[in-house]
Amino acid sequence: MIRLKLPNFEGPLDLLLYLIRKNELDIKTISLARITGEYLEYITMMQTLDLNIAGEYIVMATTLIRIKVQSLLPHYETFEMEEQGNEAELLVKKLKEYEKFKKLAFYLREKEQKAIRCFPRGNVTRRELRINGINVLTYDEINNILSEILKNTRIKPTYTLKKIRFDIEQKMEYILKKIQQVKTAYFDELIEGIDTEEIIITFIAVLELVRMQSVNLLQRKRFGRIKVYVKTD
């Protein structure tokens, strides 16, 4: 992640934009030349140019320049003002959606750190739960399964921020209601025909239901289907 050193802010470029829109920084005081200069100094030290980072920077910088021009030239024609206003509103909307993704990433990272503290690296003991003599899934196996699922979706990555259409709690309610109706289901059935975003939300929702002891997960063999069923006393 590229970091900028400015008199009034230090952080990633996307966070800089977010703070500007939250009025915590005065965009008129930010030196675009300095931002660009530090970025160019950074990439010249790289042996290989990361095109994804470069492309993201160009998009962000272009947006920042347009917003700065709007703030410095407040006497534009009405049509131009409305057009730029719409662009600024769209940016705010995208940044809010980006914030949701950051919160989701923080949630997953926090879960991972808790797991690391509970199960230190290097511990060869494999902790499992058993139901009727059958091993249920460990956290490592669950993580590997999600990686395999996302790899097999074969969806090309996109850099367009979209509105999150699903809430984890709503997805939990949907899954639990469905499982209670049919008594048991398989995870691949729950994600059939949905995109990567909804797969991730579904996966987290299932893990939360397991944590709350509302459902159980069962896999009879390695890389086998994952059975999701209502927990019974």
Protein backbone atom coordinates (compact mmCIF):
# COMPACT_ATOMS: atom_id res chain seq x y z
CA MET A 1 0.00 0.00 0.00
CA ILE A 2 1.41 3.39 -1.02
CA ARG A 3 1.75 5.83 1.90
CA LEU A 4 2.04 9.58 1.56
CA LYS A 5 3.88 11.98 3.89
CA LEU A 6 2.04 15.29 4.03
CA PRO A 7 2.12 18.08 6.62
CA ASN A 8 -1.50 17.54 7.58
CA PHE A 9 -2.09 13.85 6.87
CA GLU A 10 -0.29 10.54 6.49
CA GLY A 11 -2.03 7.48 5.11
CA PRO A 12 -3.13 5.60 1.98
CA LEU A 13 -4.39 7.63 -0.95
CA ASP A 14 -7.88 6.15 -0.71
CA LEU A 15 -8.08 7.10 2.96
CA LEU A 16 -6.93 10.61 2.07
CA LEU A 17 -9.87 10.95 -0.32
CA TYR A 18 -12.23 9.58 2.29
CA LEU A 19 -11.07 12.08 4.92
CA ILE A 20 -11.37 14.94 2.45
CA ARG A 21 -15.00 14.10 1.78
CA LYS A 22 -15.59 13.90 5.53
CA ASN A 23 -14.28 17.51 5.77
CA GLU A 24 -11.48 16.53 8.11
CA LEU A 25 -8.93 18.00 5.68
CA ASP A 26 -9.02 21.16 3.61
CA ILE A 27 -8.48 20.02 0.05
CA LYS A 28 -7.08 23.46 -0.86
CA THR A 29 -4.05 22.84 1.38
CA ILE A 30 -3.04 19.55 -0.23
CA SER A 31 -0.17 19.69 -2.73
CA LEU A 32 -1.05 17.49 -5.70
CA ALA A 33 2.46 17.99 -7.06
CA ARG A 34 3.92 16.59 -3.85
CA ILE A 35 1.57 13.63 -3.90
CA THR A 36 2.51 12.80 -7.48
CA GLY A 37 6.22 13.39 -6.82
CA GLU A 38 6.34 11.05 -3.83
CA TYR A 39 4.43 8.41 -5.76
CA LEU A 40 6.89 8.57 -8.68
CA GLU A 41 9.84 8.37 -6.27
CA TYR A 42 8.28 5.28 -4.75
CA ILE A 43 7.66 3.38 -7.97
CA THR A 44 11.16 4.11 -9.31
CA MET A 45 12.51 2.06 -6.41
CA MET A 46 10.39 -0.91 -7.45
CA GLN A 47 12.00 -3.47 -9.70
CA THR A 48 8.71 -4.26 -11.38
CA LEU A 49 5.85 -1.78 -11.79
CA ASP A 50 2.65 -3.08 -10.23
CA LEU A 51 0.11 -2.04 -12.87
CA ASN A 52 -2.84 -2.59 -10.55
CA ILE A 53 -1.48 -0.11 -8.01
CA ALA A 54 -0.50 2.36 -10.74
CA GLY A 55 -3.93 2.20 -12.37
CA GLU A 56 -5.66 2.68 -9.03
CA TYR A 57 -3.47 5.71 -8.30
CA ILE A 58 -4.25 7.33 -11.64
CA VAL A 59 -8.00 6.93 -11.11
CA MET A 60 -7.82 8.30 -7.57
CA ALA A 61 -5.51 11.17 -8.53
CA THR A 62 -7.73 12.19 -11.46
CA THR A 63 -10.76 12.33 -9.18
CA LEU A 64 -8.82 14.31 -6.60
CA ILE A 65 -7.69 16.83 -9.23
CA ARG A 66 -11.24 17.38 -10.46
CA ILE A 67 -12.50 17.95 -6.93
CA LYS A 68 -9.66 20.39 -6.22
CA VAL A 69 -10.38 22.33 -9.42
CA GLN A 70 -14.02 22.57 -8.38
CA SER A 71 -13.03 23.94 -4.96
CA LEU A 72 -10.63 26.51 -6.43
CA LEU A 73 -12.96 27.71 -9.21
CA PRO A 74 -16.36 28.10 -7.56
CA HIS A 75 -17.80 30.31 -10.32
CA TYR A 76 -18.34 27.61 -12.95
CA GLU A 77 -21.44 27.66 -15.12
CA THR A 78 -24.48 26.06 -13.53
CA PHE A 79 -24.37 23.00 -15.80
CA GLU A 80 -20.72 22.35 -15.01
CA MET A 81 -21.33 22.81 -11.31
CA GLU A 82 -24.17 20.29 -11.37
CA GLU A 83 -22.09 17.84 -13.38
CA GLN A 84 -19.16 18.08 -10.96
CA GLY A 85 -21.53 17.95 -8.01
CA ASN A 86 -22.91 14.68 -9.29
CA GLU A 87 -19.38 13.33 -9.65
CA ALA A 88 -18.54 14.31 -6.07
CA GLU A 89 -21.74 12.68 -4.82
CA LEU A 90 -20.87 9.51 -6.72
CA LEU A 91 -17.40 9.50 -5.17
CA VAL A 92 -18.88 9.87 -1.69
CA LYS A 93 -21.21 6.97 -2.39
CA LYS A 94 -18.34 4.79 -3.62
CA LEU A 95 -16.20 5.69 -0.62
CA LYS A 96 -19.01 4.71 1.75
CA GLU A 97 -19.26 1.36 0.00
CA TYR A 98 -15.47 1.00 0.17
CA GLU A 99 -15.70 1.63 3.91
CA LYS A 100 -18.10 -1.31 4.22
CA PHE A 101 -15.57 -3.57 2.51
CA LYS A 102 -12.85 -2.31 4.87
CA LYS A 103 -15.03 -3.13 7.87
CA LEU A 104 -15.61 -6.61 6.47
CA ALA A 105 -11.87 -7.07 5.95
CA PHE A 106 -11.21 -5.88 9.51
CA TYR A 107 -13.80 -8.36 10.81
CA LEU A 108 -12.08 -11.25 9.02
CA ARG A 109 -8.61 -10.11 10.14
CA GLU A 110 -9.81 -9.88 13.74
CA LYS A 111 -11.19 -13.41 13.56
CA GLU A 112 -7.88 -14.62 12.13
CA GLN A 113 -5.87 -12.95 14.91
CA LYS A 114 -8.08 -14.52 17.57
CA ALA A 115 -7.56 -17.92 15.97
CA ILE A 116 -3.78 -17.39 15.90
CA ARG A 117 -3.77 -16.53 19.60
CA CYS A 118 -5.80 -19.61 20.41
CA PHE A 119 -3.83 -21.97 18.17
CA PRO A 120 -0.17 -20.85 18.01
CA ARG A 121 1.74 -21.60 14.84
CA GLY A 122 3.92 -24.66 15.15
CA ASN A 123 1.43 -26.58 17.25
CA VAL A 124 1.02 -29.90 15.49
CA THR A 125 -1.96 -30.92 17.60
CA ARG A 126 -5.03 -31.01 15.36
CA ARG A 127 -8.11 -30.09 17.36
CA GLU A 128 -11.34 -31.51 16.01
CA LEU A 129 -14.89 -32.03 17.13
CA ARG A 130 -16.53 -35.38 16.58
CA ILE A 131 -20.20 -36.17 16.13
CA ASN A 132 -21.15 -39.84 16.15
CA GLY A 133 -17.55 -40.75 15.41
CA ILE A 134 -17.31 -38.43 12.37
CA ASN A 135 -14.85 -35.53 12.26
CA VAL A 136 -16.37 -32.10 11.70
CA LEU A 137 -14.45 -29.27 10.04
CA THR A 138 -11.49 -27.51 11.62
CA TYR A 139 -10.89 -23.78 11.06
CA ASP A 140 -7.98 -24.51 8.71
CA GLU A 141 -10.18 -26.77 6.63
CA ILE A 142 -12.92 -24.12 6.50
CA ASN A 143 -10.40 -21.52 5.33
CA ASN A 144 -9.05 -23.88 2.65
CA ILE A 145 -12.57 -24.65 1.47
CA LEU A 146 -13.43 -20.96 1.03
CA SER A 147 -10.22 -20.42 -0.94
CA GLU A 148 -11.09 -23.35 -3.19
CA ILE A 149 -14.66 -22.09 -3.69
CA LEU A 150 -13.52 -18.60 -4.69
CA LYS A 151 -10.86 -20.02 -7.00
CA ASN A 152 -13.42 -22.15 -8.80
CA THR A 153 -15.85 -19.28 -9.38
CA ARG A 154 -13.55 -18.09 -12.22
CA ILE A 155 -14.92 -14.56 -12.02
CA LYS A 156 -12.58 -11.92 -13.42
CA PRO A 157 -11.55 -9.31 -10.83
CA THR A 158 -13.09 -5.87 -11.14
CA TYR A 159 -12.08 -2.56 -9.64
CA THR A 160 -15.57 -1.03 -9.74
CA LEU A 161 -17.02 -0.49 -6.28
CA LYS A 162 -20.58 -1.75 -6.02
CA LYS A 163 -23.19 -1.35 -3.37
CA ILE A 164 -23.22 -4.26 -0.94
CA ARG A 165 -26.58 -5.90 -1.55
CA PHE A 166 -26.56 -8.27 1.37
CA ASP A 167 -26.26 -7.81 5.10
CA ILE A 168 -24.62 -10.58 7.15
CA GLU A 169 -27.44 -10.66 9.70
CA GLN A 170 -30.06 -10.84 6.94
CA LYS A 171 -28.14 -13.64 5.26
CA MET A 172 -27.91 -15.50 8.59
CA GLU A 173 -31.68 -15.27 9.01
CA TYR A 174 -32.21 -16.50 5.46
CA ILE A 175 -29.85 -19.48 5.85
CA LEU A 176 -31.21 -20.49 9.25
CA LYS A 177 -34.80 -20.31 8.01
CA LYS A 178 -33.91 -22.40 4.96
CA ILE A 179 -32.05 -25.03 7.02
CA GLN A 180 -34.90 -25.23 9.51
CA GLN A 181 -37.32 -25.89 6.66
CA VAL A 182 -35.31 -28.61 4.94
CA LYS A 183 -33.48 -29.82 8.10
CA THR A 184 -30.21 -30.17 6.19
CA ALA A 185 -28.50 -28.65 3.15
CA TYR A 186 -25.11 -28.51 1.49
CA PHE A 187 -22.98 -25.39 1.30
CA ASP A 188 -22.64 -25.63 -2.48
CA GLU A 189 -26.44 -25.47 -2.69
CA LEU A 190 -26.46 -22.25 -0.64
CA ILE A 191 -24.05 -20.53 -3.06
CA GLU A 192 -25.34 -21.94 -6.32
CA GLY A 193 -25.72 -19.26 -9.00
CA ILE A 194 -24.47 -16.33 -6.89
CA ASP A 195 -21.48 -14.01 -7.38
CA THR A 196 -18.26 -13.74 -5.37
CA GLU A 197 -19.55 -10.97 -3.11
CA GLU A 198 -22.57 -12.99 -2.01
CA ILE A 199 -20.46 -16.15 -1.63
CA ILE A 200 -18.25 -14.35 0.91
CA ILE A 201 -21.27 -12.94 2.78
CA THR A 202 -22.87 -16.41 2.83
CA PHE A 203 -19.67 -18.02 4.09
CA ILE A 204 -19.32 -15.51 6.94
CA ALA A 205 -23.01 -15.91 7.81
CA VAL A 206 -22.60 -19.70 8.06
CA LEU A 207 -19.52 -19.31 10.30
CA GLU A 208 -21.45 -16.94 12.56
CA LEU A 209 -24.29 -19.45 12.83
CA VAL A 210 -21.74 -22.13 13.77
CA ARG A 211 -20.20 -19.81 16.37
CA MET A 212 -23.66 -19.17 17.83
CA GLN A 213 -24.22 -22.95 17.85
CA SER A 214 -27.29 -22.58 15.66
CA VAL A 215 -26.01 -24.93 12.96
CA ASN A 216 -23.31 -27.56 12.53
CA LEU A 217 -20.94 -28.21 9.64
CA LEU A 218 -19.97 -31.72 8.61
CA GLN A 219 -17.59 -33.00 5.93
CA ARG A 220 -17.24 -36.77 5.71
CA LYS A 221 -14.10 -36.76 3.57
CA ARG A 222 -11.41 -34.31 2.46
CA PHE A 223 -12.69 -32.01 -0.31
CA GLY A 224 -16.13 -33.57 0.12
CA ARG A 225 -19.39 -31.65 0.23
CA ILE A 226 -20.05 -29.57 3.35
CA LYS A 227 -23.24 -30.48 5.12
CA VAL A 228 -25.02 -27.67 6.99
CA TYR A 229 -27.68 -28.80 9.44
CA VAL A 230 -29.59 -27.53 12.46
CA LYS A 231 -27.91 -28.22 15.77
CA THR A 232 -29.95 -30.53 18.00
CA ASP A 233 -29.54 -31.16 21.73
